Each structure stands twice: as C-alpha cells, then as structure tokens.
C-alpha cells in the first residue's frame, strides 16, 4: 500500500456528535478517522464551490451583468397570476 503524507489534527467535538461519529463508524465498518476525513473533504468541497460562485457573481456585478430589482419583483409578483411574465434576463 502506498504511503501518503498526512498530518494529525485534533478537534474538540460535542459528546453527542462524537457519539454519532462512533455509531456511523461501527455501522459502516470504517474508522472514526475515515468518517471525519470524509465529512471534512465534503465540507471543504462545498466551501470551495461557494467561494467560486461568489467570485463569479461579483465578477458579473463588476461587469454590469445584473438584473434590475424592479424587473425581478414584477416577475415574482406575476407568478400568482393567470399570465406570469417570463423570467427576467
């Protein structure tokens, strides 16, 4: 098995959360470390995606690619009507 570089990190968890990690580890027949590593990897991926989307949205704003608030409000208000407006672009 190939050895990868790693580093030990510690974190204080609420007892209830630590208990759930232990229960999951037993149920999945995995180590507690594996469970925590998976959870942290998923959280990091979500945070990186959120950051990317935020930067993309800010670039759109800087480029003037925005939709007028009144147009969005009129569209939203029309959704309850018999003839909803097309989504603003």
C-alpha atoms as a PDB file:
ATOM      1  CA  UNK A   1       0.000   0.000   0.000  1.00  0.00           C
ATOM      2  CA  UNK A   2       1.357   3.422  -0.950  1.00  0.00           C
ATOM      3  CA  UNK A   3       2.048   5.745   1.931  1.00  0.00           C
ATOM      4  CA  UNK A   4       0.735   9.297   1.621  1.00  0.00           C
ATOM      5  CA  UNK A   5       1.827  12.351   3.521  1.00  0.00           C
ATOM      6  CA  UNK A   6      -0.543  13.204   6.314  1.00  0.00           C
ATOM      7  CA  UNK A   7      -0.769  15.223   9.475  1.00  0.00           C
ATOM      8  CA  UNK A   8      -2.715  14.595  12.651  1.00  0.00           C
ATOM      9  CA  UNK A   9      -5.174  17.315  13.657  1.00  0.00           C
ATOM     10  CA  UNK A  10      -7.329  17.316  16.745  1.00  0.00           C
ATOM     11  CA  UNK A  11     -10.696  18.891  17.385  1.00  0.00           C
ATOM     12  CA  UNK A  12     -12.940  19.016  20.403  1.00  0.00           C
ATOM     13  CA  UNK A  13     -16.386  17.722  19.484  1.00  0.00           C
ATOM     14  CA  UNK A  14     -19.579  17.839  21.480  1.00  0.00           C
ATOM     15  CA  UNK A  15     -20.193  14.442  23.070  1.00  0.00           C
ATOM     16  CA  UNK A  16     -23.365  13.874  21.054  1.00  0.00           C
ATOM     17  CA  UNK A  17     -21.511  14.478  17.789  1.00  0.00           C
ATOM     18  CA  UNK A  18     -18.626  12.221  18.799  1.00  0.00           C
ATOM     19  CA  UNK A  19     -21.144   9.513  19.698  1.00  0.00           C
ATOM     20  CA  UNK A  20     -22.744   9.808  16.248  1.00  0.00           C
ATOM     21  CA  UNK A  21     -19.339   9.524  14.574  1.00  0.00           C
ATOM     22  CA  UNK A  22     -18.642   6.365  16.572  1.00  0.00           C
ATOM     23  CA  UNK A  23     -22.042   4.910  15.659  1.00  0.00           C
ATOM     24  CA  UNK A  24     -21.506   5.656  11.972  1.00  0.00           C
ATOM     25  CA  UNK A  25     -18.042   4.154  12.068  1.00  0.00           C
ATOM     26  CA  UNK A  26     -19.405   0.953  13.562  1.00  0.00           C
ATOM     27  CA  UNK A  27     -22.346   0.769  11.160  1.00  0.00           C
ATOM     28  CA  UNK A  28     -20.180   1.422   8.100  1.00  0.00           C
ATOM     29  CA  UNK A  29     -17.323  -0.702   9.403  1.00  0.00           C
ATOM     30  CA  UNK A  30     -14.922   2.192   8.937  1.00  0.00           C
ATOM     31  CA  UNK A  31     -12.636   4.032  11.309  1.00  0.00           C
ATOM     32  CA  UNK A  32     -13.689   7.219  13.071  1.00  0.00           C
ATOM     33  CA  UNK A  33     -10.825   8.924  11.249  1.00  0.00           C
ATOM     34  CA  UNK A  34     -12.251   7.839   7.891  1.00  0.00           C
ATOM     35  CA  UNK A  35     -15.676   9.258   8.811  1.00  0.00           C
ATOM     36  CA  UNK A  36     -14.191  12.589   9.892  1.00  0.00           C
ATOM     37  CA  UNK A  37     -11.952  12.747   6.805  1.00  0.00           C
ATOM     38  CA  UNK A  38     -14.946  12.165   4.506  1.00  0.00           C
ATOM     39  CA  UNK A  39     -17.024  14.792   6.281  1.00  0.00           C
ATOM     40  CA  UNK A  40     -14.237  17.347   6.172  1.00  0.00           C
ATOM     41  CA  UNK A  41     -13.498  16.659   2.496  1.00  0.00           C
ATOM     42  CA  UNK A  42     -17.188  17.197   1.637  1.00  0.00           C
ATOM     43  CA  UNK A  43     -17.330  20.432   3.650  1.00  0.00           C
ATOM     44  CA  UNK A  44     -14.166  21.771   2.014  1.00  0.00           C
ATOM     45  CA  UNK A  45     -15.559  20.987  -1.446  1.00  0.00           C
ATOM     46  CA  UNK A  46     -18.814  22.839  -0.652  1.00  0.00           C
ATOM     47  CA  UNK A  47     -16.926  25.852   0.722  1.00  0.00           C
ATOM     48  CA  UNK A  48     -14.653  25.986  -2.335  1.00  0.00           C
ATOM     49  CA  UNK A  49     -17.707  25.844  -4.623  1.00  0.00           C
ATOM     50  CA  UNK A  50     -19.451  28.570  -2.615  1.00  0.00           C
ATOM     51  CA  UNK A  51     -16.337  30.744  -2.908  1.00  0.00           C
ATOM     52  CA  UNK A  52     -16.127  30.118  -6.675  1.00  0.00           C
ATOM     53  CA  UNK A  53     -19.792  31.018  -7.170  1.00  0.00           C
ATOM     54  CA  UNK A  54     -19.435  34.157  -5.045  1.00  0.00           C
ATOM     55  CA  UNK A  55     -16.406  35.324  -7.050  1.00  0.00           C
ATOM     56  CA  UNK A  56     -18.263  34.578 -10.286  1.00  0.00           C
ATOM     57  CA  UNK A  57     -21.290  36.579  -9.119  1.00  0.00           C
ATOM     58  CA  UNK A  58     -19.115  39.509  -8.043  1.00  0.00           C
ATOM     59  CA  UNK A  59     -17.406  39.481 -11.444  1.00  0.00           C
ATOM     60  CA  UNK A  60     -20.852  39.647 -13.082  1.00  0.00           C
ATOM     61  CA  UNK A  61     -21.738  42.638 -10.913  1.00  0.00           C
ATOM     62  CA  UNK A  62     -18.433  44.348 -11.760  1.00  0.00           C
ATOM     63  CA  UNK A  63     -19.158  43.743 -15.465  1.00  0.00           C
ATOM     64  CA  UNK A  64     -22.625  45.248 -15.099  1.00  0.00           C
ATOM     65  CA  UNK A  65     -24.358  41.947 -15.785  1.00  0.00           C
ATOM     66  CA  UNK A  66     -27.194  42.400 -13.322  1.00  0.00           C
ATOM     67  CA  UNK A  67     -30.976  42.258 -13.425  1.00  0.00           C
ATOM     68  CA  UNK A  68     -32.948  45.242 -12.197  1.00  0.00           C
ATOM     69  CA  UNK A  69     -34.675  44.629  -8.865  1.00  0.00           C
ATOM     70  CA  UNK A  70     -37.980  46.017 -10.124  1.00  0.00           C
ATOM     71  CA  UNK A  71     -37.930  43.555 -13.049  1.00  0.00           C
ATOM     72  CA  UNK A  72     -37.361  40.637 -10.680  1.00  0.00           C
ATOM     73  CA  UNK A  73     -40.081  41.889  -8.326  1.00  0.00           C
ATOM     74  CA  UNK A  74     -42.580  42.275 -11.187  1.00  0.00           C
ATOM     75  CA  UNK A  75     -41.770  38.758 -12.407  1.00  0.00           C
ATOM     76  CA  UNK A  76     -42.127  37.288  -8.891  1.00  0.00           C
ATOM     77  CA  UNK A  77     -45.422  39.111  -8.363  1.00  0.00           C
ATOM     78  CA  UNK A  78     -46.735  37.769 -11.670  1.00  0.00           C
ATOM     79  CA  UNK A  79     -46.181  34.138 -10.714  1.00  0.00           C
ATOM     80  CA  UNK A  80     -49.516  34.039  -8.874  1.00  0.00           C
ATOM     81  CA  UNK A  81     -51.373  35.460 -11.862  1.00  0.00           C
ATOM     82  CA  UNK A  82     -53.010  33.726 -14.818  1.00  0.00           C
ATOM     83  CA  UNK A  83     -50.348  35.184 -17.130  1.00  0.00           C
ATOM     84  CA  UNK A  84     -46.951  35.056 -15.423  1.00  0.00           C
ATOM     85  CA  UNK A  85     -44.195  37.114 -17.000  1.00  0.00           C
ATOM     86  CA  UNK A  86     -41.148  35.388 -18.480  1.00  0.00           C
ATOM     87  CA  UNK A  87     -38.162  35.272 -16.135  1.00  0.00           C
ATOM     88  CA  UNK A  88     -36.068  38.427 -16.487  1.00  0.00           C
ATOM     89  CA  UNK A  89     -32.674  38.074 -18.154  1.00  0.00           C
END
